[in-house]
Amino acid sequence: MSSKSSLNRREFLEKSSKGTVGLAAGLTAAGMMSNKTKAQGRRRRSPIRVSLYTITYLGVWYDDRALTLKECMDRAREYGYDGIEFDGKRPHICPLDQDMKKCLELRRYAEKLGLEISGLAGNNNFTSPIPEQRWNELLMVREQIKMASYLGAKTVRLFAAWGGTTINDRGIAEYGDARRSWHLGFPNVTDEQRWKWCKECLEESVKCAEEYGVTLAFQNHAPLVADYKVALKMVKEISSENLKMSLDALSMNQDPEYIRAAVSEVGRDINVHHHFGGEFDKMPDGRIVLRGTTPERKDNTPVFIKALADIGYNGHLAYELCHQFRIGNRIGKLKDVDEQAALAVQYMKNIISENVT
C-alpha cells in the first residue's frame, strides 16, 4: 500500500474516535471543543492554571478509601481547580482496566465540569538492567500514551526511574524499601549504563507519542535525573517536539537564584506541566501558608511562579499529596486530605494572582 493511501496512527485515531462517539453517549470532538470553549468563556483563563493530581486521592497516603476518578473530578471542580491530572495506575486509570469507551466517558465528564484533563502520570522506570523489565515499562507507557490520546490529555509525564512504593499491612504506602532496592539491587550497574537504557526507552516512547499527538513531560525527579540540568541534557539529546520537561518545584534546590535559573534555562518552549506539593495552614488573618515556613526557611513558590510568568509559561501546575499524611500521631482521614486539596488550590491561585499580570 502506498504511503499516500495508508493512515498513520494519529490519523487513524482521529478518524476512528469520530466513529466511536456512540460508545460514549454522543461524545464528538466538535462537541467537546464547543463545551471547552463555553467553559473557558465563563471565566477568565489564566496562562498558569492549577490541576489536581489524583495521586492525592489514591487511598494509600491516608487511612480511608480511594476516590474514583469522577469523584476526584467533582472535588477539583468544587475546590476551584482548572484541571485534573490522572494517575496512570490502579485504582485510577491503569491500561489493564480501561479502553477507548471508558476513556471517552471520562473525557466527556471532565468537559461537562469545565475541567481540562491536563495530563496522565506514567510512573515508569526505564533504568532496570533487566531487559524484560524495561520492555514491560515500555509497553505500559505505550498504552498510557494511547489512553492520553483518547482522554484528550495533552501530556504523559514520565520519570527516568520511578522507584515506586510498597504498601504496609494497614494499606498505607511507604517509600523506604522501594528506594533502597533501586540503589542496592544492582550494585555493579553504573549511572552511565542507566542513562543509556533510559535514553533508549525515551526515544522509543517519543516515536509512539509522535504517532498519537501526545507530549511527553520528562520530570526532574530522583533517582538519576534529580537535577534539572541532567534532565534537560536528556531532553536536548533526544531533541523532539514531543519531549519536554516537567519541573517538580519540591525536587529543586530552593535557592531563589537556582529556581530562576532552572525555569529560564529550560525555557518557554520546553516547560510543560509542572508540579507542587506540601501541606498548608490557614492563618487567623485568612492567609494560606505552606506548612513549615519560617523566617529562616522561606517559601520560594512565589519565585517559581514569577519565573514562569517571566518566560510566558502557558500551562498547568498540578498539586500532589504523595506522602504519608499525618495529623499529629495519627494517619489522616479523607476529610483531612479534602482540607489540604482545598487549601492548596487557594494558596497557588493567590500566588498566581500576585505574580502573573
Protein backbone atom coordinates (compact mmCIF):
# COMPACT_ATOMS: atom_id res chain seq x y z
CA MET A 1 0.00 0.00 0.00
CA SER A 2 1.37 3.44 -0.87
CA SER A 3 2.20 5.95 1.86
CA LYS A 4 -0.46 8.29 0.45
CA SER A 5 -3.23 5.76 0.88
CA SER A 6 -2.18 4.50 4.29
CA LEU A 7 -3.01 6.16 7.60
CA ASN A 8 -0.55 6.76 10.39
CA ARG A 9 -1.77 6.00 13.89
CA ARG A 10 -2.68 9.57 14.73
CA GLU A 11 -4.83 9.94 11.62
CA PHE A 12 -6.44 6.58 12.31
CA LEU A 13 -7.18 7.63 15.89
CA GLU A 14 -8.77 10.89 14.78
CA LYS A 15 -10.98 9.10 12.27
CA SER A 16 -11.83 6.13 14.46
CA SER A 17 -12.66 8.25 17.50
CA LYS A 18 -15.25 10.10 15.45
CA GLY A 19 -16.78 6.75 14.58
CA THR A 20 -16.85 5.74 18.22
CA VAL A 21 -18.99 8.57 19.52
CA GLY A 22 -21.95 6.27 20.09
CA LEU A 23 -19.92 4.34 22.62
CA ALA A 24 -19.59 7.43 24.78
CA ALA A 25 -23.18 8.66 24.55
CA GLY A 26 -22.74 11.06 21.71
CA LEU A 27 -19.30 12.48 22.51
CA THR A 28 -17.73 14.19 19.50
CA ALA A 29 -14.57 16.16 19.03
CA ALA A 30 -16.63 19.13 17.88
CA GLY A 31 -18.92 18.83 20.86
CA MET A 32 -16.03 18.67 23.29
CA MET A 33 -14.39 21.70 21.75
CA SER A 34 -17.69 23.56 21.98
CA ASN A 35 -18.05 22.64 25.67
CA LYS A 36 -14.46 23.63 26.33
CA THR A 37 -14.92 26.97 24.62
CA LYS A 38 -18.07 27.66 26.63
CA ALA A 39 -16.36 26.70 29.89
CA GLN A 40 -13.42 28.98 29.17
CA GLY A 41 -15.76 31.77 28.18
CA ARG A 42 -17.45 31.68 31.57
CA ARG A 43 -14.25 32.54 33.45
CA ARG A 44 -11.07 34.41 32.71
CA ARG A 45 -8.39 31.90 31.82
CA SER A 46 -5.01 32.50 33.44
CA PRO A 47 -1.99 31.37 31.42
CA ILE A 48 -0.85 29.47 34.53
CA ARG A 49 -3.55 27.07 35.63
CA VAL A 50 -3.85 24.68 38.57
CA SER A 51 -4.63 20.97 38.29
CA LEU A 52 -5.37 18.36 40.92
CA TYR A 53 -3.18 15.28 40.53
CA THR A 54 -5.31 12.28 41.50
CA ILE A 55 -2.48 10.52 43.34
CA THR A 56 -3.69 12.71 46.22
CA TYR A 57 -6.80 10.52 46.46
CA LEU A 58 -5.22 7.14 45.69
CA GLY A 59 -6.17 5.81 49.13
CA VAL A 60 -2.61 4.94 50.16
CA TRP A 61 -1.42 8.14 51.91
CA TYR A 62 -4.29 8.35 54.39
CA ASP A 63 -6.46 5.96 56.38
CA ASP A 64 -9.54 5.87 54.17
CA ARG A 65 -10.82 4.73 50.79
CA ALA A 66 -9.56 5.77 47.37
CA LEU A 67 -11.78 8.09 45.35
CA THR A 68 -12.93 7.21 41.86
CA LEU A 69 -11.77 9.45 39.03
CA LYS A 70 -15.21 11.02 38.76
CA GLU A 71 -15.14 11.76 42.49
CA CYS A 72 -11.70 13.33 42.04
CA MET A 73 -13.06 15.49 39.23
CA ASP A 74 -16.05 16.50 41.36
CA ARG A 75 -13.70 17.67 44.09
CA ALA A 76 -11.47 19.51 41.62
CA ARG A 77 -14.49 21.40 40.34
CA GLU A 78 -15.81 22.10 43.86
CA TYR A 79 -12.48 23.43 45.14
CA GLY A 80 -11.75 25.63 42.13
CA TYR A 81 -9.12 23.73 40.16
CA ASP A 82 -8.83 24.36 36.43
CA GLY A 83 -7.85 20.83 35.50
CA ILE A 84 -7.14 17.27 36.54
CA GLU A 85 -4.09 15.05 36.10
CA PHE A 86 -4.87 11.34 36.21
CA ASP A 87 -2.57 8.87 37.92
CA GLY A 88 -1.86 6.15 35.36
CA LYS A 89 -2.05 3.21 37.73
CA ARG A 90 -4.60 1.29 39.76
CA PRO A 91 -7.04 2.11 41.17
CA HIS A 92 -7.28 5.18 38.92
CA ILE A 93 -6.56 4.75 35.20
CA CYS A 94 -4.41 1.71 34.51
CA PRO A 95 -4.45 0.40 30.90
CA LEU A 96 -5.31 -3.03 32.30
CA ASP A 97 -8.73 -1.69 33.28
CA GLN A 98 -9.53 0.93 30.63
CA ASP A 99 -10.49 1.00 26.98
CA MET A 100 -11.42 3.72 24.49
CA LYS A 101 -15.06 3.73 25.62
CA LYS A 102 -14.19 4.30 29.28
CA CYS A 103 -11.64 6.99 28.41
CA LEU A 104 -14.15 8.83 26.25
CA GLU A 105 -16.69 8.71 29.06
CA LEU A 106 -14.17 10.28 31.45
CA ARG A 107 -13.30 12.88 28.83
CA ARG A 108 -16.93 13.81 28.43
CA TYR A 109 -17.39 14.07 32.21
CA ALA A 110 -14.41 16.42 32.51
CA GLU A 111 -15.80 18.58 29.73
CA LYS A 112 -19.18 18.67 31.47
CA LEU A 113 -17.47 20.03 34.59
CA GLY A 114 -15.36 22.53 32.62
CA LEU A 115 -12.09 20.82 33.59
CA GLU A 116 -9.07 20.28 31.36
CA ILE A 117 -7.53 16.82 31.56
CA SER A 118 -4.07 18.31 31.77
CA GLY A 119 -2.10 15.08 31.78
CA LEU A 120 -1.58 11.48 32.76
CA ALA A 121 1.22 10.24 35.02
CA GLY A 122 3.29 7.31 33.77
CA ASN A 123 5.08 6.09 36.94
CA ASN A 124 7.75 4.35 34.84
CA ASN A 125 11.28 3.07 35.45
CA PHE A 126 13.46 2.91 32.33
CA THR A 127 16.70 2.07 34.15
CA SER A 128 16.48 -1.60 35.08
CA PRO A 129 19.42 -3.68 33.83
CA ILE A 130 16.93 -6.50 33.12
CA PRO A 131 15.73 -6.08 29.51
CA GLU A 132 12.35 -7.72 30.12
CA GLN A 133 11.59 -5.19 32.84
CA ARG A 134 12.40 -2.27 30.52
CA TRP A 135 10.22 -3.81 27.80
CA ASN A 136 7.36 -4.16 30.28
CA GLU A 137 7.75 -0.49 31.19
CA LEU A 138 7.77 0.49 27.52
CA LEU A 139 4.59 -1.46 26.90
CA MET A 140 2.84 0.27 29.81
CA VAL A 141 3.96 3.71 28.62
CA ARG A 142 2.79 2.96 25.07
CA GLU A 143 -0.67 2.04 26.37
CA GLN A 144 -0.75 5.14 28.57
CA ILE A 145 0.05 7.31 25.54
CA LYS A 146 -2.90 5.74 23.73
CA MET A 147 -5.15 6.39 26.74
CA ALA A 148 -3.99 10.01 26.88
CA SER A 149 -4.97 10.50 23.25
CA TYR A 150 -8.46 9.08 23.93
CA LEU A 151 -8.79 11.29 27.02
CA GLY A 152 -7.69 14.42 25.18
CA ALA A 153 -4.86 14.78 27.72
CA LYS A 154 -2.01 16.92 26.46
CA THR A 155 0.83 15.18 28.30
CA VAL A 156 2.07 11.89 29.67
CA ARG A 157 4.51 12.65 32.47
CA LEU A 158 7.49 10.30 32.66
CA PHE A 159 10.35 9.64 35.05
CA ALA A 160 13.77 8.29 34.29
CA ALA A 161 13.37 5.90 37.20
CA TRP A 162 10.31 5.94 39.42
CA GLY A 163 11.27 3.83 42.41
CA GLY A 164 7.69 3.08 43.43
CA THR A 165 6.29 2.31 46.86
CA THR A 166 5.42 -0.67 48.99
CA ILE A 167 2.11 -0.99 50.84
CA ASN A 168 2.17 -1.96 54.50
CA ASP A 169 -0.35 -4.20 56.26
CA ARG A 170 -2.52 -1.17 57.05
CA GLY A 171 -2.79 -0.28 53.36
CA ILE A 172 -0.51 2.75 53.67
CA ALA A 173 2.25 3.40 51.13
CA GLU A 174 5.91 3.60 52.14
CA TYR A 175 8.89 4.77 50.10
CA GLY A 176 11.83 3.36 52.06
CA ASP A 177 12.15 -0.23 50.82
CA ALA A 178 11.49 0.62 47.18
CA ARG A 179 14.05 3.43 47.17
CA ARG A 180 16.69 1.28 48.81
CA SER A 181 16.09 -1.51 46.31
CA TRP A 182 16.85 0.81 43.37
CA HIS A 183 20.22 1.73 44.81
CA LEU A 184 21.18 -1.65 46.27
CA GLY A 185 19.53 -4.15 43.93
CA PHE A 186 22.22 -3.93 41.24
CA PRO A 187 25.34 -2.53 42.89
CA ASN A 188 27.55 -3.02 39.82
CA VAL A 189 25.31 -1.03 37.46
CA THR A 190 26.67 2.45 36.73
CA ASP A 191 24.76 5.67 36.21
CA GLU A 192 26.20 5.77 32.69
CA GLN A 193 24.57 2.43 31.89
CA ARG A 194 21.27 3.52 33.39
CA TRP A 195 21.43 6.75 31.35
CA LYS A 196 21.87 4.75 28.15
CA TRP A 197 18.89 2.49 28.88
CA CYS A 198 16.71 5.44 29.87
CA LYS A 199 17.61 7.32 26.68
CA GLU A 200 16.83 4.29 24.50
CA CYS A 201 13.43 3.86 26.15
CA LEU A 202 12.60 7.55 25.91
CA GLU A 203 13.50 7.57 22.22
CA GLU A 204 11.15 4.67 21.61
CA SER A 205 8.41 6.31 23.68
CA VAL A 206 8.81 9.57 21.76
CA LYS A 207 8.11 7.77 18.47
CA CYS A 208 4.83 6.50 19.91
CA ALA A 209 3.97 9.95 21.30
CA GLU A 210 4.55 11.49 17.89
CA GLU A 211 2.16 9.00 16.29
CA TYR A 212 -0.62 9.75 18.80
CA GLY A 213 -0.09 13.51 19.08
CA VAL A 214 0.86 13.46 22.77
CA THR A 215 3.66 15.35 24.53
CA LEU A 216 5.91 13.52 26.98
CA ALA A 217 6.78 15.58 30.06
CA PHE A 218 10.12 14.37 31.48
CA GLN A 219 10.33 15.15 35.19
CA ASN A 220 13.41 16.16 37.18
CA HIS A 221 12.88 13.55 39.86
CA ALA A 222 15.29 11.29 41.73
CA PRO A 223 16.93 8.94 41.13
CA LEU A 224 19.26 9.55 38.16
CA VAL A 225 17.91 12.95 36.99
CA ALA A 226 17.03 14.85 40.17
CA ASP A 227 18.85 17.99 39.00
CA TYR A 228 17.08 19.92 36.25
CA LYS A 229 20.35 20.28 34.34
CA VAL A 230 20.64 16.49 34.00
CA ALA A 231 17.02 16.12 32.88
CA LEU A 232 17.43 18.99 30.42
CA LYS A 233 20.52 17.33 28.97
CA MET A 234 18.48 14.20 28.24
CA VAL A 235 15.67 16.18 26.59
CA LYS A 236 18.10 18.11 24.40
CA GLU A 237 19.98 14.96 23.36
CA ILE A 238 16.77 13.34 22.14
CA SER A 239 15.54 16.61 20.58
CA SER A 240 11.88 16.01 19.75
CA GLU A 241 8.92 18.41 19.75
CA ASN A 242 7.06 15.68 21.63
CA LEU A 243 9.51 15.54 24.55
CA LYS A 244 9.56 18.43 27.02
CA MET A 245 10.21 18.95 30.73
CA SER A 246 8.13 18.90 33.87
CA LEU A 247 9.76 20.83 36.70
CA ASP A 248 8.98 19.46 40.14
CA ALA A 249 9.28 22.52 42.38
CA LEU A 250 9.80 20.48 45.55
CA SER A 251 12.59 18.43 43.96
CA MET A 252 14.65 21.53 43.21
CA ASN A 253 17.18 23.38 45.31
CA GLN A 254 15.13 26.11 46.97
CA ASP A 255 17.70 28.86 46.48
CA PRO A 256 15.88 31.65 44.56
CA GLU A 257 18.67 32.07 42.02
CA TYR A 258 18.68 28.34 41.32
CA ILE A 259 14.91 28.35 40.78
CA ARG A 260 15.07 31.30 38.39
CA ALA A 261 17.95 29.71 36.50
CA ALA A 262 16.09 26.39 36.18
CA VAL A 263 12.99 27.97 34.67
CA SER A 264 14.99 30.26 32.40
CA GLU A 265 17.37 27.58 31.10
CA VAL A 266 14.57 25.13 30.38
CA GLY A 267 12.80 27.97 28.60
CA ARG A 268 9.31 28.57 27.31
CA ASP A 269 9.41 26.01 24.51
CA ILE A 270 10.31 23.05 26.75
CA ASN A 271 8.49 23.92 30.01
CA VAL A 272 5.30 21.87 30.33
CA HIS A 273 3.05 20.63 33.16
CA HIS A 274 4.84 21.36 36.42
CA HIS A 275 4.15 20.16 39.96
CA PHE A 276 3.92 21.46 43.51
CA GLY A 277 3.11 19.83 46.82
CA GLY A 278 3.29 20.25 50.56
CA GLU A 279 0.87 20.80 53.41
CA PHE A 280 -0.89 24.05 54.17
CA ASP A 281 -2.33 26.02 57.08
CA LYS A 282 -4.94 28.77 57.11
CA MET A 283 -3.85 31.59 59.41
CA PRO A 284 -6.20 33.64 61.63
CA ASP A 285 -5.95 36.55 59.18
CA GLY A 286 -7.11 34.30 56.32
CA ARG A 287 -3.72 33.82 54.66
CA ILE A 288 -2.85 30.32 53.46
CA VAL A 289 0.76 29.40 54.10
CA LEU A 290 3.00 26.46 53.30
CA ARG A 291 3.39 24.43 56.48
CA GLY A 292 6.90 24.62 57.95
CA THR A 293 7.64 28.10 56.60
CA THR A 294 9.70 30.25 58.99
CA PRO A 295 11.72 33.48 58.67
CA GLU A 296 14.77 31.25 58.14
CA ARG A 297 13.01 28.75 55.86
CA LYS A 298 11.18 30.87 53.35
CA ASP A 299 8.58 29.69 50.86
CA ASN A 300 10.09 30.25 47.42
CA THR A 301 6.99 29.19 45.48
CA PRO A 302 6.34 32.85 44.50
CA VAL A 303 9.84 32.93 42.98
CA PHE A 304 8.98 29.87 40.88
CA ILE A 305 5.66 31.33 39.70
CA LYS A 306 7.20 34.72 38.87
CA ALA A 307 9.96 32.99 36.88
CA LEU A 308 7.35 31.01 34.92
CA ALA A 309 5.39 34.19 34.23
CA ASP A 310 8.54 35.95 33.04
CA ILE A 311 9.12 33.36 30.29
CA GLY A 312 5.44 33.39 29.27
CA TYR A 313 4.61 29.94 30.58
CA ASN A 314 1.16 28.82 29.48
CA GLY A 315 0.27 25.56 31.19
CA HIS A 316 -0.62 23.72 34.36
CA LEU A 317 0.78 23.30 37.85
CA ALA A 318 -0.53 20.11 39.43
CA TYR A 319 -0.97 19.75 43.18
CA GLU A 320 0.00 16.41 44.66
CA LEU A 321 -0.18 15.00 48.14
CA CYS A 322 2.10 11.99 47.76
CA HIS A 323 3.43 11.17 51.20
CA GLN A 324 2.02 9.64 54.36
CA PHE A 325 -0.28 12.36 55.62
CA ARG A 326 -0.36 12.65 59.40
CA ILE A 327 -2.38 14.72 61.83
CA GLY A 328 -0.30 14.64 64.97
CA ASN A 329 0.34 10.98 65.79
CA ARG A 330 -2.35 9.55 63.53
CA ILE A 331 -2.63 8.94 59.80
CA GLY A 332 -5.03 11.44 58.27
CA LYS A 333 -8.51 10.62 57.06
CA LEU A 334 -10.21 11.51 53.78
CA LYS A 335 -11.69 14.69 55.26
CA ASP A 336 -8.18 15.85 56.20
CA VAL A 337 -6.97 15.31 52.63
CA ASP A 338 -10.01 17.22 51.36
CA GLU A 339 -8.99 20.16 53.52
CA GLN A 340 -5.46 20.13 52.11
CA ALA A 341 -6.63 19.87 48.50
CA ALA A 342 -8.95 22.86 49.03
CA LEU A 343 -6.22 24.92 50.69
CA ALA A 344 -3.63 24.03 48.04
CA VAL A 345 -5.55 25.50 45.11
CA GLN A 346 -6.38 28.69 47.04
CA TYR A 347 -2.72 29.02 48.06
CA MET A 348 -1.47 28.63 44.47
CA LYS A 349 -4.11 30.84 42.90
CA ASN A 350 -3.29 33.60 45.40
CA ILE A 351 0.37 33.41 44.37
CA ILE A 352 -0.52 33.36 40.68
CA SER A 353 -2.78 36.40 41.03
CA GLU A 354 0.02 38.31 42.77
CA ASN A 355 2.76 37.39 40.29
CA VAL A 356 1.12 36.95 36.89
CA THR A 357 -0.15 40.02 35.05
